[in-house]
Amino acid sequence: MSGVRRVALTGGIASGKSYCRRRFEALGVPTLDADQLAREAVAPGTPGLRAVAARFGAHLVRRDGHLDRAALAGVIFHDPAARRDLEAIVHPFVYEAITAWFDGLRRVEGGVALADVPLLFETGHEGDFDRVVVASCPPEMQVARLCERDGLPEAEAHARLASQMPIEDKARRADFVIDTSGTFEATDAAVAAVLTDLRAGR
């Protein structure tokens, strides 16, 4: 729908992006989580799950029919070719769904809607959006958060970080950067300031 600004929120793993999305949502912005779309792309019985099983092995499909996401992550974070193959299966579904969601929006208070897209720059889709917001914190903070959140050894956290574009590169390419390295209150204020700018057409 014309008149709604299509905003992408991105960042790196454990950079505070999901927290920022929830804050935008709390301020009345319609939001969409691309990670949820990626999960739907490989849900039980889907063509996406069949394609993943064909490429990576049927052992990655659990007995209940769901994808063993942890086992798959252990493969793709250490194999760039495998990661690209998975993205080729999942990302077309995700971006088609994002476009359909924006197209289906009707009247939006404030005129801004936001999709949380973790691998926006890596997939070259930043041009699909009117503005790009990056949630950013120092890499060492990403590693610490990842270890605490997912219980990963530090070496594994570094490997997962290395599989993505460096957060500083993403920040340089953004229209707006939200620093998530401080307090929750500071991040909340930064989200509110960015939203004010977006709603003002900046």
N, C-alpha and C. Protein backbone atom coordinates (compact mmCIF):
# COMPACT_ATOMS: atom_id res chain seq x y z
N MET A 1 0.85 -1.20 0.00
CA MET A 1 0.00 0.00 0.00
C MET A 1 0.88 1.25 0.00
N SER A 2 0.59 2.19 -0.87
CA SER A 2 1.36 3.42 -0.89
C SER A 2 1.05 4.22 0.37
N GLY A 3 2.03 4.98 0.81
CA GLY A 3 1.82 5.79 2.01
C GLY A 3 2.37 5.17 3.27
N VAL A 4 2.64 3.87 3.25
CA VAL A 4 3.25 3.21 4.40
C VAL A 4 4.75 3.09 4.13
N ARG A 5 5.55 3.63 5.03
CA ARG A 5 7.01 3.52 4.88
C ARG A 5 7.45 2.12 5.29
N ARG A 6 8.13 1.47 4.38
CA ARG A 6 8.60 0.11 4.61
C ARG A 6 9.99 0.19 5.24
N VAL A 7 10.08 -0.19 6.49
CA VAL A 7 11.33 -0.08 7.24
C VAL A 7 11.84 -1.48 7.55
N ALA A 8 13.13 -1.69 7.32
CA ALA A 8 13.78 -2.93 7.73
C ALA A 8 14.61 -2.67 8.98
N LEU A 9 14.48 -3.55 9.94
CA LEU A 9 15.33 -3.54 11.14
C LEU A 9 16.26 -4.73 11.03
N THR A 10 17.56 -4.48 11.11
CA THR A 10 18.51 -5.57 11.03
C THR A 10 19.62 -5.35 12.04
N GLY A 11 20.59 -6.23 12.04
CA GLY A 11 21.69 -6.16 12.98
C GLY A 11 22.47 -7.45 12.91
N GLY A 12 23.17 -7.78 13.96
CA GLY A 12 23.90 -9.03 14.02
C GLY A 12 23.30 -9.94 15.06
N ILE A 13 23.81 -11.14 15.13
CA ILE A 13 23.34 -12.09 16.12
C ILE A 13 23.62 -11.52 17.52
N ALA A 14 22.61 -11.54 18.38
CA ALA A 14 22.71 -11.04 19.76
C ALA A 14 23.07 -9.56 19.83
N SER A 15 22.61 -8.79 18.84
CA SER A 15 22.90 -7.34 18.85
C SER A 15 21.78 -6.52 19.47
N GLY A 16 20.72 -7.19 19.93
CA GLY A 16 19.60 -6.47 20.53
C GLY A 16 18.48 -6.14 19.55
N LYS A 17 18.55 -6.72 18.39
CA LYS A 17 17.58 -6.42 17.34
C LYS A 17 16.14 -6.79 17.73
N SER A 18 15.99 -7.99 18.28
CA SER A 18 14.64 -8.43 18.65
C SER A 18 14.05 -7.54 19.75
N TYR A 19 14.89 -7.12 20.68
CA TYR A 19 14.41 -6.20 21.71
C TYR A 19 13.92 -4.91 21.07
N CYS A 20 14.67 -4.39 20.12
CA CYS A 20 14.26 -3.15 19.44
C CYS A 20 12.94 -3.34 18.70
N ARG A 21 12.78 -4.50 18.05
CA ARG A 21 11.51 -4.75 17.35
C ARG A 21 10.34 -4.70 18.32
N ARG A 22 10.51 -5.32 19.48
CA ARG A 22 9.43 -5.30 20.47
C ARG A 22 9.14 -3.88 20.96
N ARG A 23 10.17 -3.06 21.06
CA ARG A 23 9.95 -1.67 21.48
C ARG A 23 9.20 -0.89 20.41
N PHE A 24 9.58 -1.07 19.15
CA PHE A 24 8.83 -0.43 18.07
C PHE A 24 7.36 -0.87 18.11
N GLU A 25 7.14 -2.15 18.32
CA GLU A 25 5.78 -2.68 18.38
C GLU A 25 5.02 -2.06 19.54
N ALA A 26 5.67 -1.91 20.68
CA ALA A 26 5.02 -1.31 21.85
C ALA A 26 4.64 0.14 21.61
N LEU A 27 5.34 0.79 20.67
CA LEU A 27 5.04 2.18 20.32
C LEU A 27 4.02 2.30 19.19
N GLY A 28 3.41 1.18 18.83
CA GLY A 28 2.32 1.21 17.87
C GLY A 28 2.69 0.92 16.44
N VAL A 29 3.91 0.45 16.21
CA VAL A 29 4.35 0.15 14.84
C VAL A 29 4.01 -1.31 14.50
N PRO A 30 3.31 -1.56 13.39
CA PRO A 30 3.12 -2.95 12.97
C PRO A 30 4.49 -3.56 12.64
N THR A 31 4.77 -4.75 13.16
CA THR A 31 6.07 -5.38 12.93
C THR A 31 5.90 -6.81 12.45
N LEU A 32 6.93 -7.29 11.78
CA LEU A 32 6.97 -8.66 11.28
C LEU A 32 8.35 -9.23 11.58
N ASP A 33 8.39 -10.48 12.03
CA ASP A 33 9.64 -11.13 12.40
C ASP A 33 10.03 -12.13 11.31
N ALA A 34 11.09 -11.83 10.54
CA ALA A 34 11.50 -12.72 9.46
C ALA A 34 12.00 -14.06 9.98
N ASP A 35 12.50 -14.10 11.22
CA ASP A 35 12.91 -15.39 11.79
C ASP A 35 11.72 -16.34 11.90
N GLN A 36 10.56 -15.78 12.26
CA GLN A 36 9.36 -16.61 12.34
C GLN A 36 8.97 -17.10 10.95
N LEU A 37 9.10 -16.25 9.95
CA LEU A 37 8.81 -16.67 8.57
C LEU A 37 9.76 -17.78 8.14
N ALA A 38 11.03 -17.67 8.53
CA ALA A 38 12.01 -18.70 8.17
C ALA A 38 11.64 -20.04 8.82
N ARG A 39 11.12 -19.98 10.04
CA ARG A 39 10.67 -21.22 10.69
C ARG A 39 9.46 -21.81 9.95
N GLU A 40 8.56 -20.95 9.51
CA GLU A 40 7.39 -21.42 8.77
C GLU A 40 7.78 -22.04 7.43
N ALA A 41 8.88 -21.54 6.85
CA ALA A 41 9.33 -22.06 5.55
C ALA A 41 9.75 -23.51 5.62
N VAL A 42 10.17 -23.97 6.82
CA VAL A 42 10.62 -25.36 6.98
C VAL A 42 9.78 -26.10 8.02
N ALA A 43 8.52 -25.70 8.14
CA ALA A 43 7.60 -26.37 9.06
C ALA A 43 7.31 -27.78 8.55
N PRO A 44 6.82 -28.65 9.43
CA PRO A 44 6.52 -30.03 9.01
C PRO A 44 5.61 -30.07 7.78
N GLY A 45 6.00 -30.89 6.83
CA GLY A 45 5.19 -31.10 5.63
C GLY A 45 5.37 -30.08 4.53
N THR A 46 6.22 -29.09 4.72
CA THR A 46 6.39 -28.05 3.71
C THR A 46 7.41 -28.46 2.65
N PRO A 47 7.30 -27.88 1.45
CA PRO A 47 8.34 -28.11 0.44
C PRO A 47 9.72 -27.68 0.93
N GLY A 48 9.76 -26.62 1.78
CA GLY A 48 11.03 -26.17 2.30
C GLY A 48 11.72 -27.23 3.15
N LEU A 49 10.94 -27.90 4.01
CA LEU A 49 11.53 -28.94 4.85
C LEU A 49 11.99 -30.12 4.00
N ARG A 50 11.23 -30.46 2.98
CA ARG A 50 11.64 -31.56 2.10
C ARG A 50 12.94 -31.21 1.38
N ALA A 51 13.07 -29.95 0.98
CA ALA A 51 14.29 -29.51 0.30
C ALA A 51 15.49 -29.54 1.25
N VAL A 52 15.27 -29.14 2.50
CA VAL A 52 16.35 -29.19 3.49
C VAL A 52 16.79 -30.64 3.73
N ALA A 53 15.82 -31.54 3.87
CA ALA A 53 16.15 -32.94 4.09
C ALA A 53 16.90 -33.54 2.91
N ALA A 54 16.51 -33.14 1.70
CA ALA A 54 17.19 -33.66 0.51
C ALA A 54 18.63 -33.16 0.44
N ARG A 55 18.85 -31.89 0.84
CA ARG A 55 20.19 -31.32 0.75
C ARG A 55 21.09 -31.72 1.92
N PHE A 56 20.53 -31.75 3.13
CA PHE A 56 21.37 -31.92 4.32
C PHE A 56 21.21 -33.28 5.00
N GLY A 57 20.21 -34.04 4.60
CA GLY A 57 20.03 -35.37 5.18
C GLY A 57 18.74 -35.49 5.97
N ALA A 58 18.09 -36.64 5.79
CA ALA A 58 16.81 -36.88 6.47
C ALA A 58 16.97 -36.96 7.98
N HIS A 59 18.20 -37.20 8.46
CA HIS A 59 18.42 -37.30 9.91
C HIS A 59 18.16 -35.97 10.61
N LEU A 60 18.10 -34.85 9.85
CA LEU A 60 17.83 -33.55 10.45
C LEU A 60 16.34 -33.32 10.70
N VAL A 61 15.51 -34.24 10.25
CA VAL A 61 14.07 -34.16 10.55
C VAL A 61 13.78 -35.10 11.72
N ARG A 62 13.30 -34.53 12.82
CA ARG A 62 13.04 -35.32 14.01
C ARG A 62 11.85 -36.26 13.80
N ARG A 63 11.67 -37.17 14.71
CA ARG A 63 10.58 -38.14 14.58
C ARG A 63 9.21 -37.49 14.63
N ASP A 64 9.12 -36.30 15.26
CA ASP A 64 7.84 -35.60 15.30
C ASP A 64 7.59 -34.77 14.04
N GLY A 65 8.51 -34.85 13.08
CA GLY A 65 8.32 -34.16 11.81
C GLY A 65 8.91 -32.77 11.74
N HIS A 66 9.45 -32.28 12.85
CA HIS A 66 10.03 -30.95 12.88
C HIS A 66 11.53 -31.00 12.55
N LEU A 67 12.01 -29.90 12.02
CA LEU A 67 13.43 -29.78 11.72
C LEU A 67 14.23 -29.68 13.02
N ASP A 68 15.34 -30.39 13.08
CA ASP A 68 16.26 -30.27 14.21
C ASP A 68 17.14 -29.05 13.94
N ARG A 69 16.68 -27.91 14.40
CA ARG A 69 17.33 -26.64 14.08
C ARG A 69 18.73 -26.54 14.70
N ALA A 70 18.90 -27.09 15.89
CA ALA A 70 20.20 -27.04 16.54
C ALA A 70 21.24 -27.83 15.75
N ALA A 71 20.85 -29.01 15.27
CA ALA A 71 21.77 -29.82 14.48
C ALA A 71 22.11 -29.14 13.16
N LEU A 72 21.11 -28.54 12.54
CA LEU A 72 21.36 -27.83 11.28
C LEU A 72 22.28 -26.64 11.50
N ALA A 73 22.07 -25.91 12.60
CA ALA A 73 22.92 -24.76 12.91
C ALA A 73 24.37 -25.19 13.06
N GLY A 74 24.58 -26.38 13.66
CA GLY A 74 25.93 -26.88 13.82
C GLY A 74 26.64 -27.13 12.51
N VAL A 75 25.85 -27.36 11.46
CA VAL A 75 26.42 -27.57 10.12
C VAL A 75 26.68 -26.24 9.42
N ILE A 76 25.67 -25.39 9.36
CA ILE A 76 25.76 -24.22 8.48
C ILE A 76 26.69 -23.13 9.01
N PHE A 77 26.86 -23.05 10.33
CA PHE A 77 27.73 -22.00 10.85
C PHE A 77 29.21 -22.29 10.61
N HIS A 78 29.51 -23.51 10.17
CA HIS A 78 30.90 -23.86 9.92
C HIS A 78 31.15 -24.18 8.44
N ASP A 79 30.13 -24.02 7.62
CA ASP A 79 30.25 -24.38 6.20
C ASP A 79 29.54 -23.33 5.35
N PRO A 80 30.28 -22.36 4.82
CA PRO A 80 29.65 -21.28 4.05
C PRO A 80 28.82 -21.78 2.87
N ALA A 81 29.26 -22.82 2.20
CA ALA A 81 28.51 -23.34 1.06
C ALA A 81 27.17 -23.92 1.52
N ALA A 82 27.20 -24.63 2.64
CA ALA A 82 25.95 -25.19 3.19
C ALA A 82 25.01 -24.07 3.60
N ARG A 83 25.57 -23.01 4.18
CA ARG A 83 24.73 -21.89 4.59
C ARG A 83 24.06 -21.24 3.38
N ARG A 84 24.81 -21.07 2.31
CA ARG A 84 24.22 -20.48 1.10
C ARG A 84 23.12 -21.38 0.53
N ASP A 85 23.33 -22.69 0.60
CA ASP A 85 22.30 -23.61 0.10
C ASP A 85 21.02 -23.50 0.92
N LEU A 86 21.17 -23.39 2.23
CA LEU A 86 19.99 -23.24 3.08
C LEU A 86 19.28 -21.93 2.78
N GLU A 87 20.04 -20.86 2.63
CA GLU A 87 19.44 -19.56 2.33
C GLU A 87 18.68 -19.60 1.01
N ALA A 88 19.21 -20.33 0.03
CA ALA A 88 18.54 -20.42 -1.28
C ALA A 88 17.19 -21.12 -1.16
N ILE A 89 17.05 -21.99 -0.16
CA ILE A 89 15.78 -22.67 0.08
C ILE A 89 14.80 -21.77 0.82
N VAL A 90 15.29 -21.08 1.86
CA VAL A 90 14.42 -20.37 2.79
C VAL A 90 14.10 -18.95 2.36
N HIS A 91 15.09 -18.21 1.87
CA HIS A 91 14.92 -16.78 1.66
C HIS A 91 13.87 -16.38 0.62
N PRO A 92 13.70 -17.11 -0.49
CA PRO A 92 12.62 -16.72 -1.41
C PRO A 92 11.25 -16.71 -0.73
N PHE A 93 11.00 -17.71 0.09
CA PHE A 93 9.74 -17.76 0.83
C PHE A 93 9.62 -16.57 1.77
N VAL A 94 10.70 -16.27 2.48
CA VAL A 94 10.68 -15.20 3.47
C VAL A 94 10.40 -13.85 2.82
N TYR A 95 11.12 -13.52 1.75
CA TYR A 95 10.94 -12.20 1.13
C TYR A 95 9.60 -12.08 0.41
N GLU A 96 9.11 -13.18 -0.13
CA GLU A 96 7.77 -13.14 -0.73
C GLU A 96 6.72 -12.84 0.35
N ALA A 97 6.90 -13.46 1.52
CA ALA A 97 5.95 -13.24 2.62
C ALA A 97 6.06 -11.82 3.16
N ILE A 98 7.27 -11.27 3.23
CA ILE A 98 7.44 -9.90 3.70
C ILE A 98 6.75 -8.92 2.76
N THR A 99 6.95 -9.10 1.47
CA THR A 99 6.31 -8.22 0.49
C THR A 99 4.80 -8.32 0.59
N ALA A 100 4.28 -9.52 0.72
CA ALA A 100 2.83 -9.70 0.83
C ALA A 100 2.29 -9.03 2.09
N TRP A 101 3.05 -9.10 3.18
CA TRP A 101 2.61 -8.47 4.43
C TRP A 101 2.51 -6.96 4.26
N PHE A 102 3.55 -6.34 3.72
CA PHE A 102 3.50 -4.89 3.50
C PHE A 102 2.36 -4.53 2.55
N ASP A 103 2.22 -5.29 1.48
CA ASP A 103 1.17 -4.99 0.50
C ASP A 103 -0.22 -5.10 1.10
N GLY A 104 -0.36 -5.95 2.11
CA GLY A 104 -1.67 -6.17 2.72
C GLY A 104 -2.02 -5.19 3.83
N LEU A 105 -1.09 -4.32 4.20
CA LEU A 105 -1.38 -3.36 5.24
C LEU A 105 -2.37 -2.31 4.76
N ARG A 106 -3.29 -1.96 5.62
CA ARG A 106 -4.23 -0.90 5.30
C ARG A 106 -3.83 0.35 6.10
N ARG A 107 -4.75 0.98 6.71
CA ARG A 107 -4.42 2.21 7.43
C ARG A 107 -3.46 1.90 8.59
N VAL A 108 -2.33 2.60 8.60
CA VAL A 108 -1.32 2.40 9.64
C VAL A 108 -1.11 3.72 10.37
N GLU A 109 -1.37 3.73 11.66
CA GLU A 109 -1.17 4.93 12.46
C GLU A 109 0.31 5.33 12.44
N GLY A 110 0.56 6.56 12.03
CA GLY A 110 1.95 7.02 11.96
C GLY A 110 2.63 6.72 10.65
N GLY A 111 2.02 5.86 9.81
CA GLY A 111 2.53 5.62 8.47
C GLY A 111 3.80 4.80 8.37
N VAL A 112 4.19 4.08 9.43
CA VAL A 112 5.44 3.32 9.43
C VAL A 112 5.15 1.87 9.81
N ALA A 113 5.69 0.93 9.04
CA ALA A 113 5.64 -0.49 9.38
C ALA A 113 7.06 -1.05 9.26
N LEU A 114 7.33 -2.10 10.03
CA LEU A 114 8.72 -2.54 10.17
C LEU A 114 8.83 -4.06 10.11
N ALA A 115 9.80 -4.53 9.32
CA ALA A 115 10.12 -5.95 9.26
C ALA A 115 11.51 -6.17 9.85
N ASP A 116 11.61 -7.11 10.75
CA ASP A 116 12.87 -7.50 11.39
C ASP A 116 13.51 -8.56 10.51
N VAL A 117 14.62 -8.19 9.83
CA VAL A 117 15.24 -9.06 8.82
C VAL A 117 16.71 -9.26 9.17
N PRO A 118 17.08 -10.36 9.82
CA PRO A 118 18.45 -10.52 10.30
C PRO A 118 19.53 -10.44 9.22
N LEU A 119 19.30 -11.07 8.07
CA LEU A 119 20.34 -11.14 7.04
C LEU A 119 20.04 -10.22 5.86
N LEU A 120 19.56 -9.04 6.16
CA LEU A 120 19.14 -8.11 5.12
C LEU A 120 20.27 -7.79 4.14
N PHE A 121 21.40 -7.33 4.65
CA PHE A 121 22.51 -6.94 3.77
C PHE A 121 23.15 -8.16 3.12
N GLU A 122 23.25 -9.24 3.88
CA GLU A 122 23.88 -10.45 3.32
C GLU A 122 23.11 -10.98 2.11
N THR A 123 21.79 -10.77 2.10
CA THR A 123 20.97 -11.26 0.99
C THR A 123 20.74 -10.20 -0.08
N GLY A 124 21.25 -8.99 0.13
CA GLY A 124 21.14 -7.95 -0.88
C GLY A 124 19.74 -7.40 -1.08
N HIS A 125 18.91 -7.42 -0.02
CA HIS A 125 17.52 -6.97 -0.16
C HIS A 125 17.26 -5.61 0.48
N GLU A 126 18.31 -4.88 0.85
CA GLU A 126 18.08 -3.58 1.49
C GLU A 126 17.31 -2.62 0.59
N GLY A 127 17.43 -2.79 -0.73
CA GLY A 127 16.72 -1.92 -1.65
C GLY A 127 15.22 -2.14 -1.69
N ASP A 128 14.74 -3.20 -1.02
CA ASP A 128 13.30 -3.45 -0.95
C ASP A 128 12.59 -2.51 0.02
N PHE A 129 13.37 -1.75 0.80
CA PHE A 129 12.80 -0.99 1.90
C PHE A 129 13.10 0.50 1.74
N ASP A 130 12.24 1.31 2.35
CA ASP A 130 12.43 2.77 2.29
C ASP A 130 13.53 3.23 3.24
N ARG A 131 13.65 2.59 4.37
CA ARG A 131 14.68 2.93 5.34
C ARG A 131 15.18 1.66 6.01
N VAL A 132 16.46 1.69 6.43
CA VAL A 132 17.06 0.56 7.14
C VAL A 132 17.57 1.05 8.49
N VAL A 133 17.18 0.34 9.54
CA VAL A 133 17.62 0.62 10.91
C VAL A 133 18.48 -0.55 11.37
N VAL A 134 19.64 -0.25 11.93
CA VAL A 134 20.53 -1.30 12.44
C VAL A 134 20.63 -1.20 13.96
N ALA A 135 20.41 -2.32 14.63
CA ALA A 135 20.65 -2.43 16.07
C ALA A 135 22.09 -2.88 16.24
N SER A 136 22.88 -2.11 16.98
CA SER A 136 24.32 -2.34 17.01
C SER A 136 24.88 -2.31 18.43
N CYS A 137 25.85 -3.18 18.67
CA CYS A 137 26.65 -3.13 19.89
C CYS A 137 28.03 -3.69 19.55
N PRO A 138 29.03 -3.49 20.39
CA PRO A 138 30.37 -4.00 20.09
C PRO A 138 30.38 -5.53 19.95
N PRO A 139 31.21 -6.06 19.04
CA PRO A 139 31.26 -7.52 18.83
C PRO A 139 31.52 -8.31 20.10
N GLU A 140 32.36 -7.78 21.00
CA GLU A 140 32.63 -8.52 22.22
C GLU A 140 31.37 -8.65 23.09
N MET A 141 30.48 -7.67 22.98
CA MET A 141 29.21 -7.74 23.70
C MET A 141 28.29 -8.77 23.04
N GLN A 142 28.32 -8.83 21.71
CA GLN A 142 27.54 -9.86 21.01
C GLN A 142 27.97 -11.25 21.48
N VAL A 143 29.28 -11.48 21.55
CA VAL A 143 29.79 -12.79 21.97
C VAL A 143 29.34 -13.11 23.39
N ALA A 144 29.47 -12.14 24.30
CA ALA A 144 29.07 -12.37 25.69
C ALA A 144 27.58 -12.68 25.79
N ARG A 145 26.77 -11.92 25.06
CA ARG A 145 25.32 -12.16 25.09
C ARG A 145 24.98 -13.53 24.52
N LEU A 146 25.67 -13.91 23.43
CA LEU A 146 25.39 -15.19 22.78
C LEU A 146 25.75 -16.35 23.69
N CYS A 147 26.87 -16.23 24.38
CA CYS A 147 27.27 -17.28 25.32
C CYS A 147 26.26 -17.41 26.45
N GLU A 148 25.82 -16.27 26.96
CA GLU A 148 24.86 -16.30 28.07
C GLU A 148 23.49 -16.78 27.61
N ARG A 149 23.04 -16.28 26.46
CA ARG A 149 21.70 -16.60 25.97
C ARG A 149 21.55 -18.04 25.54
N ASP A 150 22.53 -18.54 24.76
CA ASP A 150 22.41 -19.87 24.16
C ASP A 150 23.31 -20.92 24.81
N GLY A 151 24.08 -20.50 25.83
CA GLY A 151 24.95 -21.45 26.50
C GLY A 151 26.07 -21.98 25.64
N LEU A 152 26.52 -21.16 24.68
CA LEU A 152 27.56 -21.61 23.75
C LEU A 152 28.96 -21.39 24.33
N PRO A 153 29.91 -22.26 23.97
CA PRO A 153 31.30 -21.96 24.28
C PRO A 153 31.72 -20.70 23.52
N GLU A 154 32.70 -20.00 24.03
CA GLU A 154 33.10 -18.74 23.40
C GLU A 154 33.57 -18.94 21.96
N ALA A 155 34.28 -20.04 21.69
CA ALA A 155 34.76 -20.29 20.33
C ALA A 155 33.60 -20.46 19.36
N GLU A 156 32.54 -21.14 19.80
CA GLU A 156 31.37 -21.33 18.95
C GLU A 156 30.65 -20.01 18.72
N ALA A 157 30.58 -19.18 19.75
CA ALA A 157 29.95 -17.86 19.60
C ALA A 157 30.72 -17.02 18.58
N HIS A 158 32.04 -17.06 18.64
CA HIS A 158 32.85 -16.32 17.66
C HIS A 158 32.61 -16.86 16.25
N ALA A 159 32.48 -18.17 16.11
CA ALA A 159 32.24 -18.76 14.79
C ALA A 159 30.91 -18.29 14.21
N ARG A 160 29.91 -18.21 15.05
CA ARG A 160 28.60 -17.77 14.56
C ARG A 160 28.63 -16.29 14.18
N LEU A 161 29.38 -15.52 14.95
CA LEU A 161 29.52 -14.10 14.63
C LEU A 161 30.24 -13.94 13.30
N ALA A 162 31.26 -14.77 13.07
CA ALA A 162 32.06 -14.67 11.86
C ALA A 162 31.27 -15.06 10.61
N SER A 163 30.15 -15.77 10.79
CA SER A 163 29.35 -16.19 9.64
C SER A 163 28.51 -15.05 9.08
N GLN A 164 28.44 -13.92 9.79
CA GLN A 164 27.64 -12.78 9.36
C GLN A 164 28.54 -11.60 9.01
N MET A 165 27.97 -10.67 8.26
CA MET A 165 28.68 -9.43 7.98
C MET A 165 28.98 -8.71 9.29
N PRO A 166 30.19 -8.14 9.45
CA PRO A 166 30.51 -7.43 10.69
C PRO A 166 29.49 -6.34 10.99
N ILE A 167 29.15 -6.21 12.27
CA ILE A 167 28.12 -5.26 12.66
C ILE A 167 28.49 -3.83 12.29
N GLU A 168 29.79 -3.50 12.33
CA GLU A 168 30.20 -2.14 11.98
C GLU A 168 29.96 -1.84 10.50
N ASP A 169 30.06 -2.87 9.65
CA ASP A 169 29.76 -2.68 8.23
C ASP A 169 28.27 -2.42 8.02
N LYS A 170 27.45 -3.14 8.77
CA LYS A 170 26.01 -2.93 8.67
C LYS A 170 25.65 -1.52 9.15
N ALA A 171 26.25 -1.09 10.23
CA ALA A 171 25.96 0.23 10.77
C ALA A 171 26.30 1.33 9.76
N ARG A 172 27.40 1.14 9.03
CA ARG A 172 27.79 2.14 8.04
C ARG A 172 26.78 2.25 6.90
N ARG A 173 26.08 1.17 6.62
CA ARG A 173 25.14 1.15 5.50
C ARG A 173 23.71 1.51 5.91
N ALA A 174 23.49 1.74 7.19
CA ALA A 174 22.14 1.99 7.70
C ALA A 174 21.74 3.45 7.54
N ASP A 175 20.43 3.67 7.51
CA ASP A 175 19.90 5.04 7.59
C ASP A 175 19.87 5.51 9.04
N PHE A 176 19.62 4.58 9.95
CA PHE A 176 19.59 4.88 11.39
C PHE A 176 20.29 3.74 12.13
N VAL A 177 21.01 4.09 13.19
CA VAL A 177 21.68 3.10 14.03
C VAL A 177 21.19 3.27 15.47
N ILE A 178 20.77 2.17 16.09
CA ILE A 178 20.37 2.18 17.49
C ILE A 178 21.45 1.46 18.28
N ASP A 179 22.11 2.16 19.17
CA ASP A 179 23.17 1.59 20.01
C ASP A 179 22.50 0.85 21.17
N THR A 180 22.70 -0.46 21.21
CA THR A 180 22.07 -1.27 22.26
C THR A 180 23.05 -1.67 23.35
N SER A 181 24.19 -0.99 23.42
CA SER A 181 25.22 -1.39 24.38
C SER A 181 25.01 -0.81 25.77
N GLY A 182 24.06 0.11 25.92
CA GLY A 182 23.83 0.73 27.21
C GLY A 182 22.68 0.10 27.96
N THR A 183 21.98 0.90 28.73
CA THR A 183 20.85 0.40 29.52
C THR A 183 19.63 0.19 28.63
N PHE A 184 18.67 -0.56 29.14
CA PHE A 184 17.42 -0.73 28.42
C PHE A 184 16.74 0.63 28.21
N GLU A 185 16.85 1.49 29.21
CA GLU A 185 16.23 2.81 29.11
C GLU A 185 16.86 3.62 27.98
N ALA A 186 18.17 3.51 27.82
CA ALA A 186 18.85 4.23 26.75
C ALA A 186 18.43 3.69 25.39
N THR A 187 18.31 2.37 25.28
CA THR A 187 17.85 1.78 24.02
C THR A 187 16.42 2.19 23.72
N ASP A 188 15.58 2.18 24.74
CA ASP A 188 14.18 2.60 24.54
C ASP A 188 14.11 4.03 24.01
N ALA A 189 14.93 4.91 24.57
CA ALA A 189 14.94 6.30 24.12
C ALA A 189 15.43 6.41 22.69
N ALA A 190 16.42 5.60 22.32
CA ALA A 190 16.94 5.62 20.95
C ALA A 190 15.89 5.13 19.96
N VAL A 191 15.16 4.08 20.33
CA VAL A 191 14.09 3.58 19.46
C VAL A 191 13.03 4.66 19.25
N ALA A 192 12.64 5.32 20.33
CA ALA A 192 11.62 6.37 20.24
C ALA A 192 12.10 7.52 19.35
N ALA A 193 13.38 7.88 19.45
CA ALA A 193 13.92 8.97 18.63
C ALA A 193 13.93 8.59 17.16
N VAL A 194 14.32 7.35 16.86
CA VAL A 194 14.32 6.90 15.46
C VAL A 194 12.90 6.88 14.92
N LEU A 195 11.96 6.42 15.72
CA LEU A 195 10.58 6.37 15.26
C LEU A 195 10.05 7.78 14.97
N THR A 196 10.40 8.73 15.80
CA THR A 196 9.99 10.12 15.55
C THR A 196 10.50 10.59 14.19
N ASP A 197 11.76 10.28 13.89
CA ASP A 197 12.32 10.66 12.60
C ASP A 197 11.63 9.96 11.45
N LEU A 198 11.36 8.67 11.61
CA LEU A 198 10.70 7.91 10.54
C LEU A 198 9.31 8.46 10.26
N ARG A 199 8.58 8.75 11.31
CA ARG A 199 7.22 9.27 11.14
C ARG A 199 7.21 10.68 10.57
N ALA A 200 8.33 11.38 10.74
CA ALA A 200 8.44 12.73 10.18
C ALA A 200 8.92 12.71 8.74
N GLY A 201 9.17 11.51 8.22
CA GLY A 201 9.59 11.39 6.83
C GLY A 201 11.08 11.53 6.61
N ARG A 202 11.86 11.48 7.69
CA ARG A 202 13.32 11.61 7.54
C ARG A 202 13.95 10.24 7.24
